[in-house]
Amino acid sequence: MTARAFTVASLANEWDCSEGVIRKLVATGELGCFRLGTLIRIPAEEVRRFECQNLQSSDCAENTPSSGATRQESGVATASTLPIDPQRKRRRATGGGAKPTQQERWAG
């Protein structure tokens, strides 16, 4: 029996991350997908490949093909090697760059 493909939402739930993380991985090409109209589906084999490439697991074969390098700390891949750092903070715009409101433009 063939394994079913994941939706963005179901894979985000499986990996305990946001849908945005999954969409970003798809957009950058790190995670392969196919589309059914506007729907995005990620094949189970692609999910397994990505997990084997980025996370240490006894389920993964040593000879699994990979398309990129895995970041490693002291020779062992960890759960924090996912491409999106959960501790990363967003940059906030600094003050002074605000545009004048429509009322301010009319007044002066």
N, C-alpha and C. Protein backbone atom coordinates (compact mmCIF):
# COMPACT_ATOMS: atom_id res chain seq x y z
N MET A 1 0.83 -1.18 0.00
CA MET A 1 0.00 0.00 0.00
C MET A 1 0.88 1.24 0.00
N THR A 2 0.54 2.22 -0.79
CA THR A 2 1.31 3.44 -0.91
C THR A 2 0.97 4.41 0.22
N ALA A 3 2.00 5.04 0.78
CA ALA A 3 1.79 6.02 1.85
C ALA A 3 1.14 7.28 1.27
N ARG A 4 0.25 7.87 2.04
CA ARG A 4 -0.45 9.06 1.61
C ARG A 4 0.44 10.29 1.77
N ALA A 5 0.14 11.31 1.00
CA ALA A 5 0.89 12.55 1.07
C ALA A 5 0.36 13.41 2.23
N PHE A 6 1.24 14.23 2.79
CA PHE A 6 0.88 15.14 3.87
C PHE A 6 0.35 16.45 3.30
N THR A 7 -0.59 17.06 4.01
CA THR A 7 -0.95 18.45 3.73
C THR A 7 0.02 19.32 4.51
N VAL A 8 0.05 20.60 4.20
CA VAL A 8 0.91 21.52 4.95
C VAL A 8 0.51 21.49 6.42
N ALA A 9 -0.80 21.54 6.70
CA ALA A 9 -1.29 21.55 8.08
C ALA A 9 -0.96 20.26 8.82
N SER A 10 -1.14 19.11 8.16
CA SER A 10 -0.87 17.84 8.84
C SER A 10 0.62 17.65 9.11
N LEU A 11 1.48 18.09 8.21
CA LEU A 11 2.92 17.98 8.44
C LEU A 11 3.36 18.95 9.53
N ALA A 12 2.80 20.15 9.55
CA ALA A 12 3.12 21.11 10.62
C ALA A 12 2.72 20.53 11.97
N ASN A 13 1.58 19.86 12.03
CA ASN A 13 1.12 19.22 13.26
C ASN A 13 2.06 18.08 13.64
N GLU A 14 2.47 17.29 12.67
CA GLU A 14 3.38 16.16 12.91
C GLU A 14 4.74 16.63 13.45
N TRP A 15 5.26 17.72 12.89
CA TRP A 15 6.57 18.25 13.28
C TRP A 15 6.47 19.28 14.41
N ASP A 16 5.26 19.59 14.85
CA ASP A 16 5.04 20.55 15.93
C ASP A 16 5.68 21.91 15.60
N CYS A 17 5.32 22.42 14.43
CA CYS A 17 5.79 23.73 14.00
C CYS A 17 4.63 24.43 13.28
N SER A 18 4.87 25.64 12.84
CA SER A 18 3.80 26.38 12.15
C SER A 18 3.73 25.98 10.68
N GLU A 19 2.59 26.26 10.08
CA GLU A 19 2.43 26.00 8.65
C GLU A 19 3.39 26.86 7.84
N GLY A 20 3.71 28.04 8.37
CA GLY A 20 4.65 28.93 7.68
C GLY A 20 6.03 28.31 7.51
N VAL A 21 6.47 27.56 8.50
CA VAL A 21 7.77 26.88 8.40
C VAL A 21 7.75 25.88 7.25
N ILE A 22 6.67 25.11 7.16
CA ILE A 22 6.55 24.12 6.09
C ILE A 22 6.50 24.82 4.73
N ARG A 23 5.71 25.88 4.64
CA ARG A 23 5.61 26.62 3.37
C ARG A 23 6.96 27.22 2.97
N LYS A 24 7.73 27.68 3.95
CA LYS A 24 9.05 28.24 3.64
C LYS A 24 10.00 27.15 3.13
N LEU A 25 9.95 25.97 3.74
CA LEU A 25 10.79 24.85 3.27
C LEU A 25 10.42 24.46 1.84
N VAL A 26 9.13 24.49 1.53
CA VAL A 26 8.68 24.18 0.17
C VAL A 26 9.14 25.27 -0.79
N ALA A 27 8.99 26.54 -0.38
CA ALA A 27 9.35 27.67 -1.25
C ALA A 27 10.84 27.69 -1.56
N THR A 28 11.69 27.32 -0.59
CA THR A 28 13.13 27.33 -0.81
C THR A 28 13.62 26.06 -1.52
N GLY A 29 12.72 25.09 -1.69
CA GLY A 29 13.11 23.86 -2.37
C GLY A 29 13.74 22.82 -1.46
N GLU A 30 13.81 23.09 -0.15
CA GLU A 30 14.39 22.12 0.77
C GLU A 30 13.48 20.93 1.00
N LEU A 31 12.18 21.13 0.77
CA LEU A 31 11.19 20.08 0.94
C LEU A 31 10.38 19.99 -0.34
N GLY A 32 10.44 18.85 -1.00
CA GLY A 32 9.74 18.67 -2.26
C GLY A 32 8.23 18.53 -2.06
N CYS A 33 7.48 18.94 -3.06
CA CYS A 33 6.03 18.84 -2.98
C CYS A 33 5.45 18.70 -4.37
N PHE A 34 4.15 18.46 -4.43
CA PHE A 34 3.42 18.55 -5.69
C PHE A 34 2.13 19.29 -5.39
N ARG A 35 1.53 19.82 -6.42
CA ARG A 35 0.31 20.61 -6.26
C ARG A 35 -0.85 19.95 -6.98
N LEU A 36 -2.00 20.03 -6.33
CA LEU A 36 -3.27 19.62 -6.93
C LEU A 36 -4.10 20.89 -7.02
N GLY A 37 -4.01 21.57 -8.15
CA GLY A 37 -4.62 22.90 -8.24
C GLY A 37 -3.84 23.85 -7.36
N THR A 38 -4.50 24.42 -6.35
CA THR A 38 -3.81 25.31 -5.41
C THR A 38 -3.37 24.59 -4.15
N LEU A 39 -3.74 23.32 -4.00
CA LEU A 39 -3.40 22.56 -2.80
C LEU A 39 -1.97 22.04 -2.87
N ILE A 40 -1.25 22.14 -1.76
CA ILE A 40 0.12 21.66 -1.67
C ILE A 40 0.11 20.32 -0.95
N ARG A 41 0.77 19.32 -1.52
CA ARG A 41 0.91 18.01 -0.90
C ARG A 41 2.38 17.64 -0.86
N ILE A 42 2.81 17.09 0.27
CA ILE A 42 4.20 16.66 0.45
C ILE A 42 4.19 15.14 0.56
N PRO A 43 4.85 14.45 -0.39
CA PRO A 43 4.86 12.98 -0.35
C PRO A 43 5.53 12.45 0.92
N ALA A 44 5.03 11.34 1.43
CA ALA A 44 5.58 10.73 2.64
C ALA A 44 7.06 10.40 2.46
N GLU A 45 7.44 9.96 1.28
CA GLU A 45 8.85 9.64 1.01
C GLU A 45 9.73 10.88 1.10
N GLU A 46 9.20 12.02 0.67
CA GLU A 46 9.95 13.28 0.76
C GLU A 46 10.10 13.71 2.22
N VAL A 47 9.07 13.50 3.01
CA VAL A 47 9.14 13.81 4.45
C VAL A 47 10.21 12.94 5.10
N ARG A 48 10.21 11.66 4.77
CA ARG A 48 11.21 10.74 5.32
C ARG A 48 12.63 11.15 4.90
N ARG A 49 12.79 11.52 3.63
CA ARG A 49 14.11 11.96 3.15
C ARG A 49 14.58 13.18 3.92
N PHE A 50 13.69 14.16 4.11
CA PHE A 50 14.06 15.38 4.81
C PHE A 50 14.42 15.07 6.26
N GLU A 51 13.65 14.23 6.91
CA GLU A 51 13.93 13.87 8.30
C GLU A 51 15.26 13.15 8.42
N CYS A 52 15.54 12.23 7.50
CA CYS A 52 16.81 11.49 7.53
C CYS A 52 17.99 12.41 7.28
N GLN A 53 17.79 13.39 6.41
CA GLN A 53 18.86 14.31 6.06
C GLN A 53 19.15 15.28 7.20
N ASN A 54 18.14 15.65 7.98
CA ASN A 54 18.30 16.70 8.97
C ASN A 54 18.26 16.24 10.42
N LEU A 55 17.82 15.03 10.69
CA LEU A 55 17.72 14.54 12.06
C LEU A 55 18.34 13.16 12.16
N GLN A 56 19.03 12.91 13.27
CA GLN A 56 19.61 11.59 13.53
C GLN A 56 18.48 10.64 13.88
N SER A 57 18.39 9.51 13.21
CA SER A 57 17.33 8.55 13.48
C SER A 57 17.81 7.15 13.15
N SER A 58 17.37 6.20 13.94
CA SER A 58 17.74 4.81 13.66
C SER A 58 16.91 4.25 12.51
N ASP A 59 15.81 4.94 12.15
CA ASP A 59 14.96 4.48 11.05
C ASP A 59 15.57 4.76 9.68
N CYS A 60 16.53 5.64 9.61
CA CYS A 60 17.10 6.07 8.34
C CYS A 60 18.26 5.17 7.93
N ALA A 61 18.29 4.84 6.66
CA ALA A 61 19.38 4.04 6.12
C ALA A 61 20.60 4.93 5.90
N GLU A 62 21.76 4.36 6.05
CA GLU A 62 23.00 5.10 5.86
C GLU A 62 23.15 5.61 4.43
N ASN A 63 22.61 4.88 3.46
CA ASN A 63 22.80 5.23 2.06
C ASN A 63 21.63 6.01 1.48
N THR A 64 20.82 6.63 2.32
CA THR A 64 19.71 7.42 1.82
C THR A 64 20.26 8.62 1.06
N PRO A 65 19.83 8.85 -0.17
CA PRO A 65 20.37 9.98 -0.92
C PRO A 65 19.94 11.30 -0.28
N SER A 66 20.85 12.25 -0.30
CA SER A 66 20.52 13.57 0.24
C SER A 66 20.96 14.63 -0.75
N SER A 67 20.26 15.74 -0.73
CA SER A 67 20.57 16.80 -1.68
C SER A 67 21.28 17.98 -1.03
N GLY A 68 21.66 17.85 0.24
CA GLY A 68 22.33 18.96 0.91
C GLY A 68 23.04 18.46 2.15
N ALA A 69 23.74 19.37 2.78
CA ALA A 69 24.51 19.02 3.97
C ALA A 69 23.66 19.22 5.22
N THR A 70 23.94 18.42 6.23
CA THR A 70 23.27 18.55 7.51
C THR A 70 24.22 19.27 8.47
N ARG A 71 23.69 20.27 9.15
CA ARG A 71 24.51 20.93 10.15
C ARG A 71 24.65 19.99 11.33
N GLN A 72 25.85 19.89 11.85
CA GLN A 72 26.07 18.98 12.97
C GLN A 72 26.85 19.68 14.06
N GLU A 73 26.56 19.28 15.30
CA GLU A 73 27.29 19.78 16.45
C GLU A 73 28.03 18.59 17.04
N SER A 74 29.33 18.70 17.15
CA SER A 74 30.19 17.67 17.69
C SER A 74 29.90 16.29 17.07
N GLY A 75 29.63 16.29 15.75
CA GLY A 75 29.48 15.04 15.02
C GLY A 75 28.12 14.39 15.11
N VAL A 76 27.18 14.95 15.87
CA VAL A 76 25.86 14.35 16.02
C VAL A 76 24.80 15.37 15.66
N ALA A 77 23.91 15.02 14.74
CA ALA A 77 22.82 15.92 14.38
C ALA A 77 21.81 15.95 15.50
N THR A 78 21.24 17.12 15.78
CA THR A 78 20.27 17.26 16.86
C THR A 78 18.96 17.79 16.30
N ALA A 79 17.94 17.81 17.14
CA ALA A 79 16.64 18.32 16.73
C ALA A 79 16.71 19.80 16.38
N SER A 80 17.70 20.50 16.90
CA SER A 80 17.82 21.92 16.61
C SER A 80 18.46 22.19 15.25
N THR A 81 18.71 21.14 14.46
CA THR A 81 19.32 21.33 13.15
C THR A 81 18.29 21.62 12.07
N LEU A 82 17.02 21.77 12.45
CA LEU A 82 16.03 22.17 11.45
C LEU A 82 16.44 23.52 10.89
N PRO A 83 16.12 23.79 9.64
CA PRO A 83 16.60 25.01 9.00
C PRO A 83 16.06 26.30 9.60
N ILE A 84 14.98 26.27 10.34
CA ILE A 84 14.42 27.45 10.95
C ILE A 84 14.70 27.40 12.44
N ASP A 85 15.41 28.37 12.97
CA ASP A 85 15.75 28.43 14.37
C ASP A 85 14.55 28.92 15.16
N PRO A 86 13.99 28.11 16.07
CA PRO A 86 12.80 28.54 16.81
C PRO A 86 13.08 29.70 17.76
N GLN A 87 14.32 29.92 18.12
CA GLN A 87 14.67 31.01 19.04
C GLN A 87 14.91 32.33 18.33
N ARG A 88 14.89 32.31 17.00
CA ARG A 88 15.17 33.51 16.23
C ARG A 88 14.11 34.56 16.48
N LYS A 89 14.54 35.79 16.69
CA LYS A 89 13.60 36.88 16.92
C LYS A 89 13.46 37.70 15.65
N ARG A 90 12.28 38.25 15.47
CA ARG A 90 12.04 39.10 14.32
C ARG A 90 12.65 40.47 14.53
N ARG A 91 13.13 41.04 13.47
CA ARG A 91 13.62 42.41 13.53
C ARG A 91 12.44 43.36 13.57
N ARG A 92 12.59 44.38 14.34
CA ARG A 92 11.54 45.39 14.40
C ARG A 92 12.07 46.67 13.77
N ALA A 93 11.18 47.35 13.10
CA ALA A 93 11.57 48.60 12.45
C ALA A 93 11.94 49.63 13.51
N THR A 94 12.95 50.40 13.22
CA THR A 94 13.34 51.46 14.14
C THR A 94 12.46 52.67 13.89
N GLY A 95 12.31 53.50 14.88
CA GLY A 95 11.44 54.67 14.78
C GLY A 95 11.98 55.71 13.80
N GLY A 96 11.13 56.69 13.49
CA GLY A 96 11.55 57.79 12.63
C GLY A 96 11.24 57.58 11.16
N GLY A 97 10.78 56.42 10.78
CA GLY A 97 10.53 56.17 9.37
C GLY A 97 9.05 56.11 9.02
N ALA A 98 8.22 56.59 9.94
CA ALA A 98 6.78 56.49 9.71
C ALA A 98 6.33 57.47 8.63
N LYS A 99 5.41 57.03 7.80
CA LYS A 99 4.85 57.88 6.75
C LYS A 99 3.79 58.80 7.36
N PRO A 100 3.64 60.00 6.86
CA PRO A 100 2.59 60.87 7.38
C PRO A 100 1.21 60.33 7.02
N THR A 101 0.27 60.55 7.93
CA THR A 101 -1.10 60.10 7.66
C THR A 101 -1.72 60.99 6.60
N GLN A 102 -2.85 60.55 6.07
CA GLN A 102 -3.53 61.32 5.04
C GLN A 102 -3.95 62.69 5.58
N GLN A 103 -4.39 62.77 6.82
CA GLN A 103 -4.79 64.04 7.42
C GLN A 103 -3.59 64.97 7.55
N GLU A 104 -2.42 64.44 7.90
CA GLU A 104 -1.23 65.26 8.01
C GLU A 104 -0.81 65.79 6.64
N ARG A 105 -0.99 65.00 5.59
CA ARG A 105 -0.65 65.48 4.25
C ARG A 105 -1.58 66.59 3.80
N TRP A 106 -2.86 66.48 4.13
CA TRP A 106 -3.83 67.51 3.74
C TRP A 106 -3.60 68.80 4.51
N ALA A 107 -3.16 68.69 5.77
CA ALA A 107 -2.99 69.86 6.62
C ALA A 107 -1.77 70.69 6.22
N GLY A 108 -0.83 70.07 5.65
CA GLY A 108 0.40 70.83 5.42
C GLY A 108 0.97 70.57 4.14
